[in-house]
Amino acid sequence: MASGVVLNDSVRWVTFHCAYDLGYLLKILTCRRLPETREGFSELIRTFFPVMYDIKHLMRFSNSLHGVAEQLEVDRVGTCHQAGSDSLLTARAFRKLTAKHFDASIHHRYAGVMYGLDID
């Protein structure tokens, strides 16, 4: 945690359907059990990852990262479901998405919302 990558509102986390991934990372970082409630989990996520965007939330009509990339015309480098390739595709898709569909207000309106957990 001393790296400054978490607990830092200057760092933007860009994800795709992130609840399980960030939950696993939180468990490793805190060495504790995750909160038992959705509200407690969301609060912990917002504390550790204060500026986080979930592309699946932003592009609700696409079920997969591949589908989002196709819609946005972003090319994949590497193999599907490999961490490096998926991370690069997620970052590229986010850049294209924000350039194409949003203005600077994206930071205030959509940050911190996890697909499937924060909106019923």
PDB file of N, CA and C in Angstrom:
ATOM      1  N   MET A   1       0.820  -1.189   0.000  1.00  0.00           N
ATOM      2  CA  MET A   1       0.000   0.000   0.000  1.00  0.00           C
ATOM      3  C   MET A   1       0.864   1.253   0.000  1.00  0.00           C
ATOM      4  N   ALA A   2       2.117   1.110   0.370  1.00  0.00           N
ATOM      5  CA  ALA A   2       3.015   2.259   0.402  1.00  0.00           C
ATOM      6  C   ALA A   2       3.323   2.788  -0.994  1.00  0.00           C
ATOM      7  N   SER A   3       3.021   2.020  -2.015  1.00  0.00           N
ATOM      8  CA  SER A   3       3.312   2.441  -3.392  1.00  0.00           C
ATOM      9  C   SER A   3       2.489   3.649  -3.817  1.00  0.00           C
ATOM     10  N   GLY A   4       1.348   3.858  -3.183  1.00  0.00           N
ATOM     11  CA  GLY A   4       0.472   4.956  -3.571  1.00  0.00           C
ATOM     12  C   GLY A   4      -0.517   4.600  -4.665  1.00  0.00           C
ATOM     13  N   VAL A   5      -0.549   3.344  -5.069  1.00  0.00           N
ATOM     14  CA  VAL A   5      -1.465   2.920  -6.131  1.00  0.00           C
ATOM     15  C   VAL A   5      -2.893   2.802  -5.612  1.00  0.00           C
ATOM     16  N   VAL A   6      -3.054   2.442  -4.350  1.00  0.00           N
ATOM     17  CA  VAL A   6      -4.384   2.377  -3.738  1.00  0.00           C
ATOM     18  C   VAL A   6      -4.497   3.500  -2.711  1.00  0.00           C
ATOM     19  N   LEU A   7      -5.723   3.756  -2.276  1.00  0.00           N
ATOM     20  CA  LEU A   7      -5.982   4.811  -1.296  1.00  0.00           C
ATOM     21  C   LEU A   7      -5.538   6.174  -1.826  1.00  0.00           C
ATOM     22  N   ASN A   8      -5.617   6.364  -3.133  1.00  0.00           N
ATOM     23  CA  ASN A   8      -5.080   7.567  -3.761  1.00  0.00           C
ATOM     24  C   ASN A   8      -6.058   8.067  -4.815  1.00  0.00           C
ATOM     25  N   ASP A   9      -6.631   9.238  -4.597  1.00  0.00           N
ATOM     26  CA  ASP A   9      -7.609   9.750  -5.562  1.00  0.00           C
ATOM     27  C   ASP A   9      -6.968  10.384  -6.795  1.00  0.00           C
ATOM     28  N   SER A  10      -5.637  10.315  -6.891  1.00  0.00           N
ATOM     29  CA  SER A  10      -4.953  10.763  -8.106  1.00  0.00           C
ATOM     30  C   SER A  10      -4.784   9.623  -9.111  1.00  0.00           C
ATOM     31  N   VAL A  11      -5.056   8.402  -8.675  1.00  0.00           N
ATOM     32  CA  VAL A  11      -4.923   7.224  -9.536  1.00  0.00           C
ATOM     33  C   VAL A  11      -6.300   6.827 -10.041  1.00  0.00           C
ATOM     34  N   ARG A  12      -6.421   6.648 -11.354  1.00  0.00           N
ATOM     35  CA  ARG A  12      -7.681   6.181 -11.948  1.00  0.00           C
ATOM     36  C   ARG A  12      -7.575   4.688 -12.227  1.00  0.00           C
ATOM     37  N   TRP A  13      -8.509   3.932 -11.681  1.00  0.00           N
ATOM     38  CA  TRP A  13      -8.602   2.499 -11.946  1.00  0.00           C
ATOM     39  C   TRP A  13      -9.643   2.295 -13.036  1.00  0.00           C
ATOM     40  N   VAL A  14      -9.265   1.595 -14.096  1.00  0.00           N
ATOM     41  CA  VAL A  14     -10.167   1.308 -15.202  1.00  0.00           C
ATOM     42  C   VAL A  14     -10.364  -0.198 -15.237  1.00  0.00           C
ATOM     43  N   THR A  15     -11.625  -0.634 -15.157  1.00  0.00           N
ATOM     44  CA  THR A  15     -11.931  -2.055 -14.996  1.00  0.00           C
ATOM     45  C   THR A  15     -13.039  -2.487 -15.949  1.00  0.00           C
ATOM     46  N   PHE A  16     -13.259  -3.798 -15.978  1.00  0.00           N
ATOM     47  CA  PHE A  16     -14.408  -4.341 -16.692  1.00  0.00           C
ATOM     48  C   PHE A  16     -15.031  -5.408 -15.806  1.00  0.00           C
ATOM     49  N   HIS A  17     -16.228  -5.154 -15.300  1.00  0.00           N
ATOM     50  CA  HIS A  17     -16.952  -6.086 -14.423  1.00  0.00           C
ATOM     51  C   HIS A  17     -16.038  -6.510 -13.265  1.00  0.00           C
ATOM     52  N   CYS A  18     -15.730  -5.549 -12.425  1.00  0.00           N
ATOM     53  CA  CYS A  18     -14.597  -5.616 -11.504  1.00  0.00           C
ATOM     54  C   CYS A  18     -14.844  -6.145 -10.103  1.00  0.00           C
ATOM     55  N   ALA A  19     -16.043  -6.410  -9.706  1.00  0.00           N
ATOM     56  CA  ALA A  19     -16.315  -6.709  -8.293  1.00  0.00           C
ATOM     57  C   ALA A  19     -15.469  -7.866  -7.761  1.00  0.00           C
ATOM     58  N   TYR A  20     -15.396  -8.962  -8.501  1.00  0.00           N
ATOM     59  CA  TYR A  20     -14.612 -10.107  -8.030  1.00  0.00           C
ATOM     60  C   TYR A  20     -13.120  -9.797  -8.025  1.00  0.00           C
ATOM     61  N   ASP A  21     -12.633  -9.141  -9.076  1.00  0.00           N
ATOM     62  CA  ASP A  21     -11.209  -8.817  -9.155  1.00  0.00           C
ATOM     63  C   ASP A  21     -10.789  -7.883  -8.025  1.00  0.00           C
ATOM     64  N   LEU A  22     -11.547  -6.816  -7.819  1.00  0.00           N
ATOM     65  CA  LEU A  22     -11.189  -5.876  -6.763  1.00  0.00           C
ATOM     66  C   LEU A  22     -11.410  -6.483  -5.380  1.00  0.00           C
ATOM     67  N   GLY A  23     -12.416  -7.331  -5.245  1.00  0.00           N
ATOM     68  CA  GLY A  23     -12.628  -8.025  -3.981  1.00  0.00           C
ATOM     69  C   GLY A  23     -11.438  -8.896  -3.616  1.00  0.00           C
ATOM     70  N   TYR A  24     -10.924  -9.631  -4.595  1.00  0.00           N
ATOM     71  CA  TYR A  24      -9.750 -10.473  -4.372  1.00  0.00           C
ATOM     72  C   TYR A  24      -8.544  -9.613  -3.990  1.00  0.00           C
ATOM     73  N   LEU A  25      -8.348  -8.521  -4.708  1.00  0.00           N
ATOM     74  CA  LEU A  25      -7.234  -7.625  -4.410  1.00  0.00           C
ATOM     75  C   LEU A  25      -7.369  -7.024  -3.009  1.00  0.00           C
ATOM     76  N   LEU A  26      -8.583  -6.650  -2.621  1.00  0.00           N
ATOM     77  CA  LEU A  26      -8.808  -6.116  -1.267  1.00  0.00           C
ATOM     78  C   LEU A  26      -8.470  -7.145  -0.196  1.00  0.00           C
ATOM     79  N   LYS A  27      -8.856  -8.375  -0.430  1.00  0.00           N
ATOM     80  CA  LYS A  27      -8.572  -9.438   0.539  1.00  0.00           C
ATOM     81  C   LYS A  27      -7.063  -9.604   0.723  1.00  0.00           C
ATOM     82  N   ILE A  28      -6.325  -9.531  -0.369  1.00  0.00           N
ATOM     83  CA  ILE A  28      -4.867  -9.644  -0.295  1.00  0.00           C
ATOM     84  C   ILE A  28      -4.259  -8.425   0.407  1.00  0.00           C
ATOM     85  N   LEU A  29      -4.728  -7.239   0.064  1.00  0.00           N
ATOM     86  CA  LEU A  29      -4.164  -6.011   0.635  1.00  0.00           C
ATOM     87  C   LEU A  29      -4.437  -5.867   2.127  1.00  0.00           C
ATOM     88  N   THR A  30      -5.627  -6.257   2.558  1.00  0.00           N
ATOM     89  CA  THR A  30      -6.014  -6.041   3.957  1.00  0.00           C
ATOM     90  C   THR A  30      -5.749  -7.244   4.853  1.00  0.00           C
ATOM     91  N   CYS A  31      -5.568  -8.420   4.251  1.00  0.00           N
ATOM     92  CA  CYS A  31      -5.398  -9.666   5.019  1.00  0.00           C
ATOM     93  C   CYS A  31      -6.586  -9.902   5.957  1.00  0.00           C
ATOM     94  N   ARG A  32      -7.760  -9.503   5.505  1.00  0.00           N
ATOM     95  CA  ARG A  32      -8.986  -9.671   6.296  1.00  0.00           C
ATOM     96  C   ARG A  32     -10.094 -10.231   5.425  1.00  0.00           C
ATOM     97  N   ARG A  33     -11.125 -10.700   6.093  1.00  0.00           N
ATOM     98  CA  ARG A  33     -12.318 -11.128   5.365  1.00  0.00           C
ATOM     99  C   ARG A  33     -13.000  -9.911   4.769  1.00  0.00           C
ATOM    100  N   LEU A  34     -13.644 -10.130   3.644  1.00  0.00           N
ATOM    101  CA  LEU A  34     -14.387  -9.039   3.015  1.00  0.00           C
ATOM    102  C   LEU A  34     -15.660  -8.758   3.809  1.00  0.00           C
ATOM    103  N   PRO A  35     -16.176  -7.550   3.737  1.00  0.00           N
ATOM    104  CA  PRO A  35     -17.432  -7.230   4.423  1.00  0.00           C
ATOM    105  C   PRO A  35     -18.557  -8.159   3.969  1.00  0.00           C
ATOM    106  N   GLU A  36     -19.477  -8.424   4.860  1.00  0.00           N
ATOM    107  CA  GLU A  36     -20.580  -9.334   4.550  1.00  0.00           C
ATOM    108  C   GLU A  36     -21.724  -8.656   3.816  1.00  0.00           C
ATOM    109  N   THR A  37     -21.765  -7.332   3.833  1.00  0.00           N
ATOM    110  CA  THR A  37     -22.861  -6.629   3.161  1.00  0.00           C
ATOM    111  C   THR A  37     -22.368  -5.955   1.880  1.00  0.00           C
ATOM    112  N   ARG A  38     -23.288  -5.779   0.956  1.00  0.00           N
ATOM    113  CA  ARG A  38     -22.974  -5.081  -0.291  1.00  0.00           C
ATOM    114  C   ARG A  38     -22.525  -3.653   0.008  1.00  0.00           C
ATOM    115  N   GLU A  39     -23.200  -2.993   0.931  1.00  0.00           N
ATOM    116  CA  GLU A  39     -22.860  -1.616   1.282  1.00  0.00           C
ATOM    117  C   GLU A  39     -21.451  -1.529   1.866  1.00  0.00           C
ATOM    118  N   GLY A  40     -21.119  -2.460   2.759  1.00  0.00           N
ATOM    119  CA  GLY A  40     -19.782  -2.482   3.358  1.00  0.00           C
ATOM    120  C   GLY A  40     -18.697  -2.735   2.328  1.00  0.00           C
ATOM    121  N   PHE A  41     -18.977  -3.647   1.398  1.00  0.00           N
ATOM    122  CA  PHE A  41     -18.032  -3.950   0.326  1.00  0.00           C
ATOM    123  C   PHE A  41     -17.832  -2.732  -0.569  1.00  0.00           C
ATOM    124  N   SER A  42     -18.920  -2.091  -0.974  1.00  0.00           N
ATOM    125  CA  SER A  42     -18.831  -0.909  -1.838  1.00  0.00           C
ATOM    126  C   SER A  42     -18.067   0.219  -1.151  1.00  0.00           C
ATOM    127  N   GLU A  43     -18.291   0.391   0.136  1.00  0.00           N
ATOM    128  CA  GLU A  43     -17.585   1.435   0.881  1.00  0.00           C
ATOM    129  C   GLU A  43     -16.080   1.161   0.914  1.00  0.00           C
ATOM    130  N   LEU A  44     -15.705  -0.094   1.128  1.00  0.00           N
ATOM    131  CA  LEU A  44     -14.291  -0.465   1.151  1.00  0.00           C
ATOM    132  C   LEU A  44     -13.658  -0.266  -0.226  1.00  0.00           C
ATOM    133  N   ILE A  45     -14.385  -0.607  -1.273  1.00  0.00           N
ATOM    134  CA  ILE A  45     -13.903  -0.390  -2.642  1.00  0.00           C
ATOM    135  C   ILE A  45     -13.653   1.102  -2.863  1.00  0.00           C
ATOM    136  N   ARG A  46     -14.605   1.939  -2.474  1.00  0.00           N
ATOM    137  CA  ARG A  46     -14.454   3.390  -2.669  1.00  0.00           C
ATOM    138  C   ARG A  46     -13.285   3.960  -1.857  1.00  0.00           C
ATOM    139  N   THR A  47     -12.985   3.348  -0.724  1.00  0.00           N
ATOM    140  CA  THR A  47     -11.855   3.801   0.089  1.00  0.00           C
ATOM    141  C   THR A  47     -10.525   3.461  -0.586  1.00  0.00           C
ATOM    142  N   PHE A  48     -10.377   2.222  -1.011  1.00  0.00           N
ATOM    143  CA  PHE A  48      -9.114   1.775  -1.596  1.00  0.00           C
ATOM    144  C   PHE A  48      -8.931   2.217  -3.047  1.00  0.00           C
ATOM    145  N   PHE A  49     -10.026   2.337  -3.781  1.00  0.00           N
ATOM    146  CA  PHE A  49      -9.984   2.697  -5.205  1.00  0.00           C
ATOM    147  C   PHE A  49     -10.932   3.878  -5.428  1.00  0.00           C
ATOM    148  N   PRO A  50     -10.584   5.064  -4.917  1.00  0.00           N
ATOM    149  CA  PRO A  50     -11.535   6.179  -4.914  1.00  0.00           C
ATOM    150  C   PRO A  50     -11.983   6.652  -6.296  1.00  0.00           C
ATOM    151  N   VAL A  51     -11.152   6.463  -7.313  1.00  0.00           N
ATOM    152  CA  VAL A  51     -11.534   6.852  -8.674  1.00  0.00           C
ATOM    153  C   VAL A  51     -11.430   5.605  -9.547  1.00  0.00           C
ATOM    154  N   MET A  52     -12.548   4.896  -9.671  1.00  0.00           N
ATOM    155  CA  MET A  52     -12.592   3.634 -10.392  1.00  0.00           C
ATOM    156  C   MET A  52     -13.742   3.680 -11.388  1.00  0.00           C
ATOM    157  N   TYR A  53     -13.461   3.254 -12.607  1.00  0.00           N
ATOM    158  CA  TYR A  53     -14.487   3.195 -13.647  1.00  0.00           C
ATOM    159  C   TYR A  53     -14.659   1.753 -14.091  1.00  0.00           C
ATOM    160  N   ASP A  54     -15.888   1.304 -14.151  1.00  0.00           N
ATOM    161  CA  ASP A  54     -16.205  -0.032 -14.637  1.00  0.00           C
ATOM    162  C   ASP A  54     -16.833   0.118 -16.024  1.00  0.00           C
ATOM    163  N   ILE A  55     -16.094  -0.283 -17.046  1.00  0.00           N
ATOM    164  CA  ILE A  55     -16.573  -0.118 -18.421  1.00  0.00           C
ATOM    165  C   ILE A  55     -17.870  -0.881 -18.651  1.00  0.00           C
ATOM    166  N   LYS A  56     -18.054  -1.998 -17.975  1.00  0.00           N
ATOM    167  CA  LYS A  56     -19.305  -2.747 -18.161  1.00  0.00           C
ATOM    168  C   LYS A  56     -20.500  -1.906 -17.707  1.00  0.00           C
ATOM    169  N   HIS A  57     -20.318  -1.094 -16.685  1.00  0.00           N
ATOM    170  CA  HIS A  57     -21.381  -0.177 -16.265  1.00  0.00           C
ATOM    171  C   HIS A  57     -21.586   0.921 -17.306  1.00  0.00           C
ATOM    172  N   LEU A  58     -20.495   1.455 -17.811  1.00  0.00           N
ATOM    173  CA  LEU A  58     -20.595   2.546 -18.784  1.00  0.00           C
ATOM    174  C   LEU A  58     -21.208   2.091 -20.103  1.00  0.00           C
ATOM    175  N   MET A  59     -20.949   0.847 -20.488  1.00  0.00           N
ATOM    176  CA  MET A  59     -21.455   0.289 -21.752  1.00  0.00           C
ATOM    177  C   MET A  59     -22.423  -0.849 -21.422  1.00  0.00           C
ATOM    178  N   ARG A  60     -23.507  -0.554 -20.789  1.00  0.00           N
ATOM    179  CA  ARG A  60     -24.444  -1.554 -20.268  1.00  0.00           C
ATOM    180  C   ARG A  60     -24.974  -2.536 -21.297  1.00  0.00           C
ATOM    181  N   PHE A  61     -24.894  -2.195 -22.560  1.00  0.00           N
ATOM    182  CA  PHE A  61     -25.506  -3.047 -23.572  1.00  0.00           C
ATOM    183  C   PHE A  61     -24.524  -4.044 -24.174  1.00  0.00           C
ATOM    184  N   SER A  62     -23.318  -4.142 -23.624  1.00  0.00           N
ATOM    185  CA  SER A  62     -22.341  -5.129 -24.076  1.00  0.00           C
ATOM    186  C   SER A  62     -22.055  -6.093 -22.945  1.00  0.00           C
ATOM    187  N   ASN A  63     -22.130  -7.380 -23.235  1.00  0.00           N
ATOM    188  CA  ASN A  63     -21.917  -8.385 -22.198  1.00  0.00           C
ATOM    189  C   ASN A  63     -20.460  -8.745 -21.990  1.00  0.00           C
ATOM    190  N   SER A  64     -19.596  -8.420 -22.941  1.00  0.00           N
ATOM    191  CA  SER A  64     -18.208  -8.852 -22.830  1.00  0.00           C
ATOM    192  C   SER A  64     -17.255  -7.718 -23.179  1.00  0.00           C
ATOM    193  N   LEU A  65     -16.033  -7.859 -22.711  1.00  0.00           N
ATOM    194  CA  LEU A  65     -14.995  -6.901 -23.062  1.00  0.00           C
ATOM    195  C   LEU A  65     -14.757  -6.931 -24.568  1.00  0.00           C
ATOM    196  N   HIS A  66     -14.795  -8.108 -25.144  1.00  0.00           N
ATOM    197  CA  HIS A  66     -14.643  -8.252 -26.595  1.00  0.00           C
ATOM    198  C   HIS A  66     -15.741  -7.474 -27.327  1.00  0.00           C
ATOM    199  N   GLY A  67     -16.972  -7.576 -26.839  1.00  0.00           N
ATOM    200  CA  GLY A  67     -18.089  -6.856 -27.443  1.00  0.00           C
ATOM    201  C   GLY A  67     -17.930  -5.347 -27.357  1.00  0.00           C
ATOM    202  N   VAL A  68     -17.451  -4.870 -26.223  1.00  0.00           N
ATOM    203  CA  VAL A  68     -17.200  -3.436 -26.056  1.00  0.00           C
ATOM    204  C   VAL A  68     -16.125  -2.989 -27.042  1.00  0.00           C
ATOM    205  N   ALA A  69     -15.052  -3.770 -27.127  1.00  0.00           N
ATOM    206  CA  ALA A  69     -13.959  -3.424 -28.038  1.00  0.00           C
ATOM    207  C   ALA A  69     -14.441  -3.384 -29.484  1.00  0.00           C
ATOM    208  N   GLU A  70     -15.275  -4.337 -29.861  1.00  0.00           N
ATOM    209  CA  GLU A  70     -15.817  -4.340 -31.225  1.00  0.00           C
ATOM    210  C   GLU A  70     -16.674  -3.104 -31.478  1.00  0.00           C
ATOM    211  N   GLN A  71     -17.549  -2.778 -30.534  1.00  0.00           N
ATOM    212  CA  GLN A  71     -18.407  -1.594 -30.677  1.00  0.00           C
ATOM    213  C   GLN A  71     -17.596  -0.317 -30.837  1.00  0.00           C
ATOM    214  N   LEU A  72     -16.502  -0.236 -30.092  1.00  0.00           N
ATOM    215  CA  LEU A  72     -15.678   0.970 -30.107  1.00  0.00           C
ATOM    216  C   LEU A  72     -14.583   0.924 -31.169  1.00  0.00           C
ATOM    217  N   GLU A  73     -14.504  -0.198 -31.879  1.00  0.00           N
ATOM    218  CA  GLU A  73     -13.481  -0.402 -32.915  1.00  0.00           C
ATOM    219  C   GLU A  73     -12.071  -0.287 -32.338  1.00  0.00           C
ATOM    220  N   VAL A  74     -11.843  -1.026 -31.253  1.00  0.00           N
ATOM    221  CA  VAL A  74     -10.538  -1.086 -30.604  1.00  0.00           C
ATOM    222  C   VAL A  74      -9.972  -2.479 -30.843  1.00  0.00           C
ATOM    223  N   ASP A  75      -8.748  -2.548 -31.335  1.00  0.00           N
ATOM    224  CA  ASP A  75      -8.120  -3.836 -31.629  1.00  0.00           C
ATOM    225  C   ASP A  75      -7.442  -4.410 -30.396  1.00  0.00           C
ATOM    226  N   ARG A  76      -7.509  -5.733 -30.274  1.00  0.00           N
ATOM    227  CA  ARG A  76      -6.843  -6.453 -29.191  1.00  0.00           C
ATOM    228  C   ARG A  76      -5.419  -6.780 -29.611  1.00  0.00           C
ATOM    229  N   VAL A  77      -4.513  -6.722 -28.642  1.00  0.00           N
ATOM    230  CA  VAL A  77      -3.150  -7.205 -28.815  1.00  0.00           C
ATOM    231  C   VAL A  77      -3.015  -8.406 -27.894  1.00  0.00           C
ATOM    232  N   GLY A  78      -2.692  -9.561 -28.430  1.00  0.00           N
ATOM    233  CA  GLY A  78      -2.527 -10.751 -27.603  1.00  0.00           C
ATOM    234  C   GLY A  78      -3.774 -11.606 -27.566  1.00  0.00           C
ATOM    235  N   THR A  79      -3.801 -12.511 -26.590  1.00  0.00           N
ATOM    236  CA  THR A  79      -4.828 -13.533 -26.474  1.00  0.00           C
ATOM    237  C   THR A  79      -5.909 -13.133 -25.478  1.00  0.00           C
ATOM    238  N   CYS A  80      -7.149 -13.419 -25.833  1.00  0.00           N
ATOM    239  CA  CYS A  80      -8.300 -13.158 -24.970  1.00  0.00           C
ATOM    240  C   CYS A  80      -8.146 -13.880 -23.630  1.00  0.00           C
ATOM    241  N   HIS A  81      -8.586 -13.256 -22.564  1.00  0.00           N
ATOM    242  CA  HIS A  81      -8.565 -13.797 -21.199  1.00  0.00           C
ATOM    243  C   HIS A  81      -7.157 -13.979 -20.636  1.00  0.00           C
ATOM    244  N   GLN A  82      -6.199 -13.241 -21.174  1.00  0.00           N
ATOM    245  CA  GLN A  82      -4.858 -13.170 -20.597  1.00  0.00           C
ATOM    246  C   GLN A  82      -4.753 -11.799 -19.936  1.00  0.00           C
ATOM    247  N   ALA A  83      -4.208 -11.753 -18.736  1.00  0.00           N
ATOM    248  CA  ALA A  83      -4.230 -10.521 -17.940  1.00  0.00           C
ATOM    249  C   ALA A  83      -3.670  -9.310 -18.680  1.00  0.00           C
ATOM    250  N   GLY A  84      -2.522  -9.441 -19.293  1.00  0.00           N
ATOM    251  CA  GLY A  84      -1.910  -8.303 -19.976  1.00  0.00           C
ATOM    252  C   GLY A  84      -2.738  -7.816 -21.147  1.00  0.00           C
ATOM    253  N   SER A  85      -3.195  -8.763 -21.960  1.00  0.00           N
ATOM    254  CA  SER A  85      -3.997  -8.420 -23.134  1.00  0.00           C
ATOM    255  C   SER A  85      -5.326  -7.793 -22.727  1.00  0.00           C
ATOM    256  N   ASP A  86      -5.993  -8.383 -21.741  1.00  0.00           N
ATOM    257  CA  ASP A  86      -7.273  -7.839 -21.276  1.00  0.00           C
ATOM    258  C   ASP A  86      -7.098  -6.454 -20.650  1.00  0.00           C
ATOM    259  N   SER A  87      -6.016  -6.256 -19.903  1.00  0.00           N
ATOM    260  CA  SER A  87      -5.762  -4.955 -19.274  1.00  0.00           C
ATOM    261  C   SER A  87      -5.528  -3.872 -20.319  1.00  0.00           C
ATOM    262  N   LEU A  88      -4.720  -4.191 -21.323  1.00  0.00           N
ATOM    263  CA  LEU A  88      -4.454  -3.223 -22.384  1.00  0.00           C
ATOM    264  C   LEU A  88      -5.730  -2.907 -23.163  1.00  0.00           C
ATOM    265  N   LEU A  89      -6.517  -3.932 -23.461  1.00  0.00           N
ATOM    266  CA  LEU A  89      -7.773  -3.720 -24.181  1.00  0.00           C
ATOM    267  C   LEU A  89      -8.743  -2.870 -23.354  1.00  0.00           C
ATOM    268  N   THR A  90      -8.800  -3.119 -22.059  1.00  0.00           N
ATOM    269  CA  THR A  90      -9.662  -2.335 -21.171  1.00  0.00           C
ATOM    270  C   THR A  90      -9.242  -0.865 -21.178  1.00  0.00           C
ATOM    271  N   ALA A  91      -7.948  -0.614 -21.060  1.00  0.00           N
ATOM    272  CA  ALA A  91      -7.451   0.769 -21.064  1.00  0.00           C
ATOM    273  C   ALA A  91      -7.735   1.460 -22.394  1.00  0.00           C
ATOM    274  N   ARG A  92      -7.486   0.767 -23.491  1.00  0.00           N
ATOM    275  CA  ARG A  92      -7.736   1.355 -24.812  1.00  0.00           C
ATOM    276  C   ARG A  92      -9.228   1.612 -25.030  1.00  0.00           C
ATOM    277  N   ALA A  93     -10.047   0.681 -24.602  1.00  0.00           N
ATOM    278  CA  ALA A  93     -11.497   0.851 -24.748  1.00  0.00           C
ATOM    279  C   ALA A  93     -11.979   2.044 -23.921  1.00  0.00           C
ATOM    280  N   PHE A  94     -11.455   2.200 -22.725  1.00  0.00           N
ATOM    281  CA  PHE A  94     -11.845   3.328 -21.879  1.00  0.00           C
ATOM    282  C   PHE A  94     -11.464   4.656 -22.531  1.00  0.00           C
ATOM    283  N   ARG A  95     -10.260   4.729 -23.052  1.00  0.00           N
ATOM    284  CA  ARG A  95      -9.826   5.974 -23.718  1.00  0.00           C
ATOM    285  C   ARG A  95     -10.723   6.302 -24.901  1.00  0.00           C
ATOM    286  N   LYS A  96     -11.039   5.290 -25.700  1.00  0.00           N
ATOM    287  CA  LYS A  96     -11.888   5.511 -26.873  1.00  0.00           C
ATOM    288  C   LYS A  96     -13.298   5.896 -26.435  1.00  0.00           C
ATOM    289  N   LEU A  97     -13.811   5.208 -25.424  1.00  0.00           N
ATOM    290  CA  LEU A  97     -15.152   5.477 -24.907  1.00  0.00           C
ATOM    291  C   LEU A  97     -15.270   6.909 -24.397  1.00  0.00           C
ATOM    292  N   THR A  98     -14.311   7.337 -23.597  1.00  0.00           N
ATOM    293  CA  THR A  98     -14.389   8.689 -23.046  1.00  0.00           C
ATOM    294  C   THR A  98     -14.215   9.746 -24.132  1.00  0.00           C
ATOM    295  N   ALA A  99     -13.352   9.484 -25.098  1.00  0.00           N
ATOM    296  CA  ALA A  99     -13.158  10.445 -26.187  1.00  0.00           C
ATOM    297  C   ALA A  99     -14.400  10.551 -27.064  1.00  0.00           C
ATOM    298  N   LYS A 100     -15.089   9.432 -27.234  1.00  0.00           N
ATOM    299  CA  LYS A 100     -16.220   9.378 -28.161  1.00  0.00           C
ATOM    300  C   LYS A 100     -17.548   9.804 -27.533  1.00  0.00           C
ATOM    301  N   HIS A 101     -17.775   9.469 -26.268  1.00  0.00           N
ATOM    302  CA  HIS A 101     -19.113   9.608 -25.693  1.00  0.00           C
ATOM    303  C   HIS A 101     -19.242  10.522 -24.478  1.00  0.00           C
ATOM    304  N   PHE A 102     -18.144  10.919 -23.853  1.00  0.00           N
ATOM    305  CA  PHE A 102     -18.246  11.666 -22.601  1.00  0.00           C
ATOM    306  C   PHE A 102     -17.411  12.934 -22.646  1.00  0.00           C
ATOM    307  N   ASP A 103     -17.754  13.846 -21.751  1.00  0.00           N
ATOM    308  CA  ASP A 103     -16.911  15.018 -21.552  1.00  0.00           C
ATOM    309  C   ASP A 103     -16.245  14.881 -20.185  1.00  0.00           C
ATOM    310  N   ALA A 104     -15.660  15.925 -19.682  1.00  0.00           N
ATOM    311  CA  ALA A 104     -14.939  15.864 -18.409  1.00  0.00           C
ATOM    312  C   ALA A 104     -15.818  15.445 -17.238  1.00  0.00           C
ATOM    313  N   SER A 105     -17.126  15.553 -17.367  1.00  0.00           N
ATOM    314  CA  SER A 105     -18.020  15.211 -16.261  1.00  0.00           C
ATOM    315  C   SER A 105     -18.063  13.716 -15.962  1.00  0.00           C
ATOM    316  N   ILE A 106     -17.456  12.893 -16.797  1.00  0.00           N
ATOM    317  CA  ILE A 106     -17.455  11.452 -16.523  1.00  0.00           C
ATOM    318  C   ILE A 106     -16.861  11.162 -15.149  1.00  0.00           C
ATOM    319  N   HIS A 107     -15.887  11.921 -14.730  1.00  0.00           N
ATOM    320  CA  HIS A 107     -15.226  11.664 -13.460  1.00  0.00           C
ATOM    321  C   HIS A 107     -16.184  11.772 -12.279  1.00  0.00           C
ATOM    322  N   HIS A 108     -17.151  12.631 -12.375  1.00  0.00           N
ATOM    323  CA  HIS A 108     -18.062  12.833 -11.256  1.00  0.00           C
ATOM    324  C   HIS A 108     -19.307  11.969 -11.351  1.00  0.00           C
ATOM    325  N   ARG A 109     -19.726  11.648 -12.530  1.00  0.00           N
ATOM    326  CA  ARG A 109     -20.995  10.944 -12.700  1.00  0.00           C
ATOM    327  C   ARG A 109     -20.874   9.423 -12.644  1.00  0.00           C
ATOM    328  N   TYR A 110     -19.758   8.881 -13.063  1.00  0.00           N
ATOM    329  CA  TYR A 110     -19.669   7.435 -13.223  1.00  0.00           C
ATOM    330  C   TYR A 110     -18.578   6.763 -12.402  1.00  0.00           C
ATOM    331  N   ALA A 111     -17.717   7.503 -11.769  1.00  0.00           N
ATOM    332  CA  ALA A 111     -16.653   6.904 -10.970  1.00  0.00           C
ATOM    333  C   ALA A 111     -17.242   6.172  -9.768  1.00  0.00           C
ATOM    334  N   GLY A 112     -16.657   5.029  -9.450  1.00  0.00           N
ATOM    335  CA  GLY A 112     -17.039   4.294  -8.258  1.00  0.00           C
ATOM    336  C   GLY A 112     -18.239   3.385  -8.385  1.00  0.00           C
ATOM    337  N   VAL A 113     -18.805   3.244  -9.575  1.00  0.00           N
ATOM    338  CA  VAL A 113     -19.978   2.387  -9.757  1.00  0.00           C
ATOM    339  C   VAL A 113     -19.540   1.046 -10.332  1.00  0.00           C
ATOM    340  N   MET A 114     -19.829  -0.033  -9.607  1.00  0.00           N
ATOM    341  CA  MET A 114     -19.494  -1.381 -10.067  1.00  0.00           C
ATOM    342  C   MET A 114     -20.715  -2.031 -10.698  1.00  0.00           C
ATOM    343  N   TYR A 115     -20.551  -2.533 -11.899  1.00  0.00           N
ATOM    344  CA  TYR A 115     -21.645  -3.202 -12.590  1.00  0.00           C
ATOM    345  C   TYR A 115     -22.151  -4.371 -11.744  1.00  0.00           C
ATOM    346  N   GLY A 116     -23.454  -4.439 -11.587  1.00  0.00           N
ATOM    347  CA  GLY A 116     -24.071  -5.555 -10.889  1.00  0.00           C
ATOM    348  C   GLY A 116     -24.160  -5.415  -9.383  1.00  0.00           C
ATOM    349  N   LEU A 117     -23.478  -4.434  -8.805  1.00  0.00           N
ATOM    350  CA  LEU A 117     -23.520  -4.275  -7.350  1.00  0.00           C
ATOM    351  C   LEU A 117     -24.110  -2.949  -6.911  1.00  0.00           C
ATOM    352  N   ASP A 118     -23.715  -1.883  -7.549  1.00  0.00           N
ATOM    353  CA  ASP A 118     -24.086  -0.557  -7.063  1.00  0.00           C
ATOM    354  C   ASP A 118     -25.395  -0.029  -7.612  1.00  0.00           C
ATOM    355  N   ILE A 119     -25.907  -0.608  -8.678  1.00  0.00           N
ATOM    356  CA  ILE A 119     -27.171  -0.152  -9.251  1.00  0.00           C
ATOM    357  C   ILE A 119     -28.087  -1.355  -9.382  1.00  0.00           C
ATOM    358  N   ASP A 120     -29.256  -1.257  -8.806  1.00  0.00           N
ATOM    359  CA  ASP A 120     -30.210  -2.375  -8.863  1.00  0.00           C
ATOM    360  C   ASP A 120     -30.976  -2.372 -10.165  1.00  0.00           C
TER     361      ASP A 120
END
